């Protein structure tokens, strides 16, 4: 049985992870097997975005004075109990990790609720654009 958002036909958590993994494997394949021109093209196109994503991820997940991730606040821990992924036993990523996935697989269809939240997180003020 596949878990999807009620009324939606988007990706499950596992499918979204797979889409991001495929993207990363594609980059790795070009870097390992591609010609010099292809490698330069990938470096110029992908590295700046990947660096920005990692910087944002590290900044957003910097612990507060109590050692808790600011992106994974107590409110988020409470909210994830009621999300569809949890209801079917799939792990739920924190909002910042979902935003990274949205950037790494921008053309992958996602659940309606996830799409809205990741678009909020990809706002330039958050630092992912």
C-alpha atoms as a PDB file:
ATOM      1  CA  UNK A   1       0.000   0.000   0.000  1.00  0.00           C
ATOM      2  CA  UNK A   2       1.356   3.413  -0.945  1.00  0.00           C
ATOM      3  CA  UNK A   3       0.931   6.393   1.361  1.00  0.00           C
ATOM      4  CA  UNK A   4      -0.165   9.631  -0.223  1.00  0.00           C
ATOM      5  CA  UNK A   5      -1.689  12.832   1.043  1.00  0.00           C
ATOM      6  CA  UNK A   6      -5.445  12.513   1.382  1.00  0.00           C
ATOM      7  CA  UNK A   7      -6.955  13.531  -1.920  1.00  0.00           C
ATOM      8  CA  UNK A   8      -3.551  13.913  -3.548  1.00  0.00           C
ATOM      9  CA  UNK A   9      -1.439  11.774  -5.815  1.00  0.00           C
ATOM     10  CA  UNK A  10       2.007  13.028  -4.815  1.00  0.00           C
ATOM     11  CA  UNK A  11       5.134  11.213  -3.794  1.00  0.00           C
ATOM     12  CA  UNK A  12       5.576   9.271  -0.609  1.00  0.00           C
ATOM     13  CA  UNK A  13       8.535   9.957   1.637  1.00  0.00           C
ATOM     14  CA  UNK A  14      10.418   7.009   0.124  1.00  0.00           C
ATOM     15  CA  UNK A  15       9.745   8.172  -3.442  1.00  0.00           C
ATOM     16  CA  UNK A  16      10.947  11.682  -2.625  1.00  0.00           C
ATOM     17  CA  UNK A  17      14.149  10.301  -1.117  1.00  0.00           C
ATOM     18  CA  UNK A  18      14.615   8.250  -4.303  1.00  0.00           C
ATOM     19  CA  UNK A  19      14.153  11.328  -6.535  1.00  0.00           C
ATOM     20  CA  UNK A  20      16.844  13.202  -4.627  1.00  0.00           C
ATOM     21  CA  UNK A  21      19.154  10.167  -4.659  1.00  0.00           C
ATOM     22  CA  UNK A  22      18.727   9.880  -8.440  1.00  0.00           C
ATOM     23  CA  UNK A  23      19.677  13.547  -8.838  1.00  0.00           C
ATOM     24  CA  UNK A  24      22.829  13.080  -6.756  1.00  0.00           C
ATOM     25  CA  UNK A  25      23.761   9.867  -8.604  1.00  0.00           C
ATOM     26  CA  UNK A  26      23.372  11.698 -11.921  1.00  0.00           C
ATOM     27  CA  UNK A  27      25.827  14.369 -10.829  1.00  0.00           C
ATOM     28  CA  UNK A  28      28.242  11.753  -9.496  1.00  0.00           C
ATOM     29  CA  UNK A  29      28.068   9.779 -12.757  1.00  0.00           C
ATOM     30  CA  UNK A  30      28.994  12.817 -14.839  1.00  0.00           C
ATOM     31  CA  UNK A  31      31.837  13.649 -12.468  1.00  0.00           C
ATOM     32  CA  UNK A  32      33.166  10.066 -12.531  1.00  0.00           C
ATOM     33  CA  UNK A  33      32.607   9.152 -16.190  1.00  0.00           C
ATOM     34  CA  UNK A  34      31.984  12.362 -18.089  1.00  0.00           C
ATOM     35  CA  UNK A  35      34.375  14.234 -20.301  1.00  0.00           C
ATOM     36  CA  UNK A  36      36.044  17.429 -19.120  1.00  0.00           C
ATOM     37  CA  UNK A  37      33.428  19.620 -20.791  1.00  0.00           C
ATOM     38  CA  UNK A  38      30.593  17.775 -19.041  1.00  0.00           C
ATOM     39  CA  UNK A  39      32.337  17.981 -15.687  1.00  0.00           C
ATOM     40  CA  UNK A  40      32.885  21.725 -16.008  1.00  0.00           C
ATOM     41  CA  UNK A  41      29.240  22.201 -17.000  1.00  0.00           C
ATOM     42  CA  UNK A  42      28.047  20.249 -13.944  1.00  0.00           C
ATOM     43  CA  UNK A  43      30.405  22.123 -11.641  1.00  0.00           C
ATOM     44  CA  UNK A  44      29.289  25.503 -12.932  1.00  0.00           C
ATOM     45  CA  UNK A  45      25.598  24.611 -12.843  1.00  0.00           C
ATOM     46  CA  UNK A  46      25.283  22.601  -9.635  1.00  0.00           C
ATOM     47  CA  UNK A  47      28.027  23.438  -7.147  1.00  0.00           C
ATOM     48  CA  UNK A  48      26.893  26.986  -6.244  1.00  0.00           C
ATOM     49  CA  UNK A  49      23.379  25.747  -5.475  1.00  0.00           C
ATOM     50  CA  UNK A  50      24.624  22.745  -3.516  1.00  0.00           C
ATOM     51  CA  UNK A  51      26.952  24.942  -1.452  1.00  0.00           C
ATOM     52  CA  UNK A  52      24.086  27.351  -0.700  1.00  0.00           C
ATOM     53  CA  UNK A  53      21.861  24.437   0.317  1.00  0.00           C
ATOM     54  CA  UNK A  54      24.504  23.025   2.661  1.00  0.00           C
ATOM     55  CA  UNK A  55      25.220  26.430   4.213  1.00  0.00           C
ATOM     56  CA  UNK A  56      21.519  26.978   4.798  1.00  0.00           C
ATOM     57  CA  UNK A  57      21.053  23.497   6.208  1.00  0.00           C
ATOM     58  CA  UNK A  58      23.964  23.878   8.609  1.00  0.00           C
ATOM     59  CA  UNK A  59      22.836  27.346   9.696  1.00  0.00           C
ATOM     60  CA  UNK A  60      19.228  26.295  10.177  1.00  0.00           C
ATOM     61  CA  UNK A  61      20.138  23.221  12.188  1.00  0.00           C
ATOM     62  CA  UNK A  62      22.584  25.003  14.485  1.00  0.00           C
ATOM     63  CA  UNK A  63      21.565  24.100  18.045  1.00  0.00           C
ATOM     64  CA  UNK A  64      20.124  26.709  20.386  1.00  0.00           C
ATOM     65  CA  UNK A  65      21.276  27.211  23.992  1.00  0.00           C
ATOM     66  CA  UNK A  66      19.481  24.010  24.977  1.00  0.00           C
ATOM     67  CA  UNK A  67      21.105  21.930  22.242  1.00  0.00           C
ATOM     68  CA  UNK A  68      17.912  21.748  20.152  1.00  0.00           C
ATOM     69  CA  UNK A  69      17.762  22.336  16.432  1.00  0.00           C
ATOM     70  CA  UNK A  70      15.972  25.618  15.699  1.00  0.00           C
ATOM     71  CA  UNK A  71      14.447  24.181  12.515  1.00  0.00           C
ATOM     72  CA  UNK A  72      13.176  21.127  14.389  1.00  0.00           C
ATOM     73  CA  UNK A  73      11.439  22.997  17.193  1.00  0.00           C
ATOM     74  CA  UNK A  74       9.122  21.493  19.773  1.00  0.00           C
ATOM     75  CA  UNK A  75       6.194  22.674  17.644  1.00  0.00           C
ATOM     76  CA  UNK A  76       7.497  20.652  14.677  1.00  0.00           C
ATOM     77  CA  UNK A  77       7.924  17.570  16.829  1.00  0.00           C
ATOM     78  CA  UNK A  78       4.277  17.911  17.878  1.00  0.00           C
ATOM     79  CA  UNK A  79       3.047  18.580  14.320  1.00  0.00           C
ATOM     80  CA  UNK A  80       4.731  15.555  12.813  1.00  0.00           C
ATOM     81  CA  UNK A  81       2.551  13.275  14.918  1.00  0.00           C
ATOM     82  CA  UNK A  82      -0.460  14.191  12.834  1.00  0.00           C
ATOM     83  CA  UNK A  83       1.047  14.163   9.349  1.00  0.00           C
ATOM     84  CA  UNK A  84       0.107  11.438   6.844  1.00  0.00           C
ATOM     85  CA  UNK A  85       3.613   9.961   6.725  1.00  0.00           C
ATOM     86  CA  UNK A  86       3.494   9.186  10.415  1.00  0.00           C
ATOM     87  CA  UNK A  87       0.023   7.695  10.125  1.00  0.00           C
ATOM     88  CA  UNK A  88       1.371   5.032   7.767  1.00  0.00           C
ATOM     89  CA  UNK A  89       4.604   4.489   9.654  1.00  0.00           C
ATOM     90  CA  UNK A  90       7.008   6.368   7.380  1.00  0.00           C
ATOM     91  CA  UNK A  91       9.624   8.665   8.929  1.00  0.00           C
ATOM     92  CA  UNK A  92       8.964  12.379   8.638  1.00  0.00           C
ATOM     93  CA  UNK A  93      11.814  14.720   7.772  1.00  0.00           C
ATOM     94  CA  UNK A  94      12.089  18.100   9.443  1.00  0.00           C
ATOM     95  CA  UNK A  95      11.016  21.191   7.449  1.00  0.00           C
ATOM     96  CA  UNK A  96      14.551  22.188   6.548  1.00  0.00           C
ATOM     97  CA  UNK A  97      15.413  18.773   5.148  1.00  0.00           C
ATOM     98  CA  UNK A  98      12.215  18.864   3.084  1.00  0.00           C
ATOM     99  CA  UNK A  99      13.286  22.265   1.740  1.00  0.00           C
ATOM    100  CA  UNK A 100      16.633  20.801   0.684  1.00  0.00           C
ATOM    101  CA  UNK A 101      14.818  17.999  -1.121  1.00  0.00           C
ATOM    102  CA  UNK A 102      12.627  20.523  -2.908  1.00  0.00           C
ATOM    103  CA  UNK A 103      15.753  22.297  -4.161  1.00  0.00           C
ATOM    104  CA  UNK A 104      17.538  19.119  -5.224  1.00  0.00           C
ATOM    105  CA  UNK A 105      14.513  17.711  -7.047  1.00  0.00           C
ATOM    106  CA  UNK A 106      12.570  20.834  -8.112  1.00  0.00           C
ATOM    107  CA  UNK A 107      10.599  19.064 -10.851  1.00  0.00           C
ATOM    108  CA  UNK A 108       9.529  16.093  -8.772  1.00  0.00           C
ATOM    109  CA  UNK A 109       5.837  16.143  -7.921  1.00  0.00           C
ATOM    110  CA  UNK A 110       5.273  16.421  -4.190  1.00  0.00           C
ATOM    111  CA  UNK A 111       2.306  16.296  -1.893  1.00  0.00           C
ATOM    112  CA  UNK A 112       0.190  19.415  -1.758  1.00  0.00           C
ATOM    113  CA  UNK A 113       0.984  20.153   1.905  1.00  0.00           C
ATOM    114  CA  UNK A 114       4.668  19.459   1.364  1.00  0.00           C
ATOM    115  CA  UNK A 115       4.779  21.650  -1.741  1.00  0.00           C
ATOM    116  CA  UNK A 116       3.294  24.607   0.132  1.00  0.00           C
ATOM    117  CA  UNK A 117       5.661  24.244   3.073  1.00  0.00           C
ATOM    118  CA  UNK A 118       8.809  23.708   1.008  1.00  0.00           C
ATOM    119  CA  UNK A 119       7.988  26.701  -1.170  1.00  0.00           C
ATOM    120  CA  UNK A 120       7.751  28.806   2.001  1.00  0.00           C
ATOM    121  CA  UNK A 121      11.127  27.497   3.129  1.00  0.00           C
ATOM    122  CA  UNK A 122      12.730  28.197  -0.244  1.00  0.00           C
ATOM    123  CA  UNK A 123      11.956  31.892   0.155  1.00  0.00           C
ATOM    124  CA  UNK A 124      15.086  34.067  -0.362  1.00  0.00           C
ATOM    125  CA  UNK A 125      14.858  35.276   3.241  1.00  0.00           C
ATOM    126  CA  UNK A 126      15.471  31.712   4.399  1.00  0.00           C
ATOM    127  CA  UNK A 127      18.570  31.545   2.238  1.00  0.00           C
ATOM    128  CA  UNK A 128      17.791  28.627  -0.030  1.00  0.00           C
ATOM    129  CA  UNK A 129      17.309  30.638  -3.235  1.00  0.00           C
END
